[in-house]
């Protein structure tokens, strides 16, 4: 199996910064796309950013210019640097990874979620 463990969430004032990390471990042959979703209270889960194994990135319009996604393939880890945070960024952030397992089966795996709260 594959496990994703997130870290880095917390409480920050508006205008501040946080850096989320998510490390994948387990029966991994190759990780394709990795990314971050978020879900605010009472809202649907939405894509924040994603990054391919080759480093191509996509961002939600709401975070462009403020958030930066990156990854360390050697460490099976994806990062989300969040700057100029706004109260509307408050949500539970989930990382995911599109993984080809050691058994050559392909699945999306998800982290447990980390809370990000931005206060006024």
C-alpha atoms as a PDB file:
ATOM      1  CA  UNK A   1       0.000   0.000   0.000  1.00  0.00           C
ATOM      2  CA  UNK A   2       0.854   3.662  -0.258  1.00  0.00           C
ATOM      3  CA  UNK A   3       0.588   6.266   2.481  1.00  0.00           C
ATOM      4  CA  UNK A   4       0.606  10.062   2.155  1.00  0.00           C
ATOM      5  CA  UNK A   5       1.484  12.049   5.258  1.00  0.00           C
ATOM      6  CA  UNK A   6       0.924  15.811   5.306  1.00  0.00           C
ATOM      7  CA  UNK A   7       2.386  18.438   7.573  1.00  0.00           C
ATOM      8  CA  UNK A   8       2.623  22.195   7.866  1.00  0.00           C
ATOM      9  CA  UNK A   9      -0.912  23.390   8.417  1.00  0.00           C
ATOM     10  CA  UNK A  10      -1.899  25.768  11.178  1.00  0.00           C
ATOM     11  CA  UNK A  11      -3.241  29.168  12.103  1.00  0.00           C
ATOM     12  CA  UNK A  12      -1.853  32.284  10.444  1.00  0.00           C
ATOM     13  CA  UNK A  13      -2.884  35.896  10.114  1.00  0.00           C
ATOM     14  CA  UNK A  14      -4.007  37.312   6.789  1.00  0.00           C
ATOM     15  CA  UNK A  15      -1.016  38.230   4.677  1.00  0.00           C
ATOM     16  CA  UNK A  16       1.112  35.540   6.248  1.00  0.00           C
ATOM     17  CA  UNK A  17       2.673  32.402   4.818  1.00  0.00           C
ATOM     18  CA  UNK A  18       2.592  28.660   5.366  1.00  0.00           C
ATOM     19  CA  UNK A  19       4.347  25.754   3.698  1.00  0.00           C
ATOM     20  CA  UNK A  20       2.616  22.401   3.394  1.00  0.00           C
ATOM     21  CA  UNK A  21       4.511  19.175   2.802  1.00  0.00           C
ATOM     22  CA  UNK A  22       3.269  15.734   1.793  1.00  0.00           C
ATOM     23  CA  UNK A  23       5.457  12.659   1.628  1.00  0.00           C
ATOM     24  CA  UNK A  24       4.430   9.431  -0.066  1.00  0.00           C
ATOM     25  CA  UNK A  25       5.762   6.091   1.076  1.00  0.00           C
ATOM     26  CA  UNK A  26       5.071   2.408   0.563  1.00  0.00           C
ATOM     27  CA  UNK A  27       4.840   0.181  -2.491  1.00  0.00           C
ATOM     28  CA  UNK A  28       5.675   2.828  -5.072  1.00  0.00           C
ATOM     29  CA  UNK A  29       7.049   2.108  -8.516  1.00  0.00           C
ATOM     30  CA  UNK A  30       6.486   5.584  -9.918  1.00  0.00           C
ATOM     31  CA  UNK A  31       4.547   8.707  -8.937  1.00  0.00           C
ATOM     32  CA  UNK A  32       2.955  10.645 -11.764  1.00  0.00           C
ATOM     33  CA  UNK A  33       1.003  13.791 -10.899  1.00  0.00           C
ATOM     34  CA  UNK A  34       0.942  15.072  -7.320  1.00  0.00           C
ATOM     35  CA  UNK A  35      -1.181  17.890  -6.061  1.00  0.00           C
ATOM     36  CA  UNK A  36      -3.273  19.644  -3.469  1.00  0.00           C
ATOM     37  CA  UNK A  37      -7.009  20.018  -3.071  1.00  0.00           C
ATOM     38  CA  UNK A  38      -8.851  21.917  -0.380  1.00  0.00           C
ATOM     39  CA  UNK A  39     -12.294  21.803   1.136  1.00  0.00           C
ATOM     40  CA  UNK A  40     -13.780  24.677   3.073  1.00  0.00           C
ATOM     41  CA  UNK A  41     -16.673  24.163   5.448  1.00  0.00           C
ATOM     42  CA  UNK A  42     -19.894  23.678   3.521  1.00  0.00           C
ATOM     43  CA  UNK A  43     -18.173  23.704   0.146  1.00  0.00           C
ATOM     44  CA  UNK A  44     -17.036  21.134  -2.365  1.00  0.00           C
ATOM     45  CA  UNK A  45     -13.455  19.985  -2.579  1.00  0.00           C
ATOM     46  CA  UNK A  46     -11.537  22.006  -5.164  1.00  0.00           C
ATOM     47  CA  UNK A  47      -8.213  21.682  -6.903  1.00  0.00           C
ATOM     48  CA  UNK A  48      -5.582  24.107  -5.648  1.00  0.00           C
ATOM     49  CA  UNK A  49      -2.516  23.085  -7.633  1.00  0.00           C
ATOM     50  CA  UNK A  50      -0.910  20.069  -9.260  1.00  0.00           C
ATOM     51  CA  UNK A  51       2.476  19.173 -10.652  1.00  0.00           C
ATOM     52  CA  UNK A  52       3.535  16.444 -13.045  1.00  0.00           C
ATOM     53  CA  UNK A  53       6.602  14.282 -12.640  1.00  0.00           C
ATOM     54  CA  UNK A  54       8.291  16.495 -15.193  1.00  0.00           C
ATOM     55  CA  UNK A  55       7.494  19.660 -13.275  1.00  0.00           C
ATOM     56  CA  UNK A  56       4.577  21.112 -15.251  1.00  0.00           C
ATOM     57  CA  UNK A  57       2.170  22.927 -12.979  1.00  0.00           C
ATOM     58  CA  UNK A  58      -1.461  24.053 -12.881  1.00  0.00           C
ATOM     59  CA  UNK A  59      -3.096  26.390 -10.386  1.00  0.00           C
ATOM     60  CA  UNK A  60      -6.579  27.446  -9.474  1.00  0.00           C
ATOM     61  CA  UNK A  61      -7.194  31.033 -10.551  1.00  0.00           C
ATOM     62  CA  UNK A  62      -7.816  32.014  -6.938  1.00  0.00           C
ATOM     63  CA  UNK A  63      -4.259  31.128  -5.874  1.00  0.00           C
ATOM     64  CA  UNK A  64      -2.218  32.104  -8.936  1.00  0.00           C
ATOM     65  CA  UNK A  65       0.641  34.399  -8.005  1.00  0.00           C
ATOM     66  CA  UNK A  66       0.343  33.562  -4.302  1.00  0.00           C
ATOM     67  CA  UNK A  67       0.873  29.785  -4.071  1.00  0.00           C
ATOM     68  CA  UNK A  68       3.729  27.734  -5.494  1.00  0.00           C
ATOM     69  CA  UNK A  69       3.727  23.971  -5.851  1.00  0.00           C
ATOM     70  CA  UNK A  70       6.966  22.009  -6.097  1.00  0.00           C
ATOM     71  CA  UNK A  71       8.151  18.454  -5.624  1.00  0.00           C
ATOM     72  CA  UNK A  72      11.235  16.457  -4.756  1.00  0.00           C
ATOM     73  CA  UNK A  73      11.024  13.246  -6.746  1.00  0.00           C
ATOM     74  CA  UNK A  74      13.886  11.645  -4.837  1.00  0.00           C
ATOM     75  CA  UNK A  75      11.918  12.091  -1.608  1.00  0.00           C
ATOM     76  CA  UNK A  76       8.452  11.384  -3.089  1.00  0.00           C
ATOM     77  CA  UNK A  77       7.389  14.684  -1.571  1.00  0.00           C
ATOM     78  CA  UNK A  78       5.225  17.541  -2.791  1.00  0.00           C
ATOM     79  CA  UNK A  79       5.194  21.018  -1.281  1.00  0.00           C
ATOM     80  CA  UNK A  80       2.790  23.936  -1.355  1.00  0.00           C
ATOM     81  CA  UNK A  81       4.221  27.334  -0.471  1.00  0.00           C
ATOM     82  CA  UNK A  82       1.332  29.638   0.373  1.00  0.00           C
ATOM     83  CA  UNK A  83       2.016  33.375   0.562  1.00  0.00           C
ATOM     84  CA  UNK A  84      -0.252  36.380   1.013  1.00  0.00           C
ATOM     85  CA  UNK A  85      -2.841  34.167   2.642  1.00  0.00           C
ATOM     86  CA  UNK A  86      -6.432  35.357   2.803  1.00  0.00           C
ATOM     87  CA  UNK A  87      -9.284  34.316   5.110  1.00  0.00           C
ATOM     88  CA  UNK A  88     -10.940  32.645   2.125  1.00  0.00           C
ATOM     89  CA  UNK A  89      -7.973  30.249   1.932  1.00  0.00           C
ATOM     90  CA  UNK A  90      -9.193  28.685   5.175  1.00  0.00           C
ATOM     91  CA  UNK A  91      -9.883  25.011   4.504  1.00  0.00           C
ATOM     92  CA  UNK A  92      -8.687  21.481   5.025  1.00  0.00           C
ATOM     93  CA  UNK A  93      -5.927  20.849   2.501  1.00  0.00           C
ATOM     94  CA  UNK A  94      -5.498  17.364   1.061  1.00  0.00           C
ATOM     95  CA  UNK A  95      -2.569  16.115  -0.962  1.00  0.00           C
ATOM     96  CA  UNK A  96      -2.926  13.419  -3.554  1.00  0.00           C
ATOM     97  CA  UNK A  97      -0.653  11.339  -5.712  1.00  0.00           C
ATOM     98  CA  UNK A  98      -1.297   9.400  -8.901  1.00  0.00           C
ATOM     99  CA  UNK A  99       0.803   6.325  -8.189  1.00  0.00           C
ATOM    100  CA  UNK A 100       1.894   3.328 -10.179  1.00  0.00           C
ATOM    101  CA  UNK A 101       2.429   0.770  -7.441  1.00  0.00           C
ATOM    102  CA  UNK A 102       5.077  -1.911  -7.242  1.00  0.00           C
ATOM    103  CA  UNK A 103       2.402  -4.326  -8.454  1.00  0.00           C
ATOM    104  CA  UNK A 104       1.970  -2.092 -11.535  1.00  0.00           C
ATOM    105  CA  UNK A 105      -1.518  -1.020 -10.540  1.00  0.00           C
ATOM    106  CA  UNK A 106      -2.378   2.682 -10.848  1.00  0.00           C
ATOM    107  CA  UNK A 107      -4.385   4.501  -8.184  1.00  0.00           C
ATOM    108  CA  UNK A 108      -4.926   7.941  -6.702  1.00  0.00           C
ATOM    109  CA  UNK A 109      -3.924   8.056  -3.046  1.00  0.00           C
ATOM    110  CA  UNK A 110      -4.906  10.781  -0.603  1.00  0.00           C
ATOM    111  CA  UNK A 111      -3.492  12.258   2.552  1.00  0.00           C
ATOM    112  CA  UNK A 112      -5.483  12.642   5.749  1.00  0.00           C
ATOM    113  CA  UNK A 113      -5.837  16.400   5.383  1.00  0.00           C
ATOM    114  CA  UNK A 114      -4.309  19.313   7.251  1.00  0.00           C
ATOM    115  CA  UNK A 115      -6.216  22.335   8.519  1.00  0.00           C
ATOM    116  CA  UNK A 116      -5.200  25.805   7.356  1.00  0.00           C
ATOM    117  CA  UNK A 117      -6.909  28.693   9.128  1.00  0.00           C
ATOM    118  CA  UNK A 118      -6.325  32.303   8.115  1.00  0.00           C
ATOM    119  CA  UNK A 119      -7.564  34.941  10.529  1.00  0.00           C
ATOM    120  CA  UNK A 120      -8.312  38.594   9.839  1.00  0.00           C
END
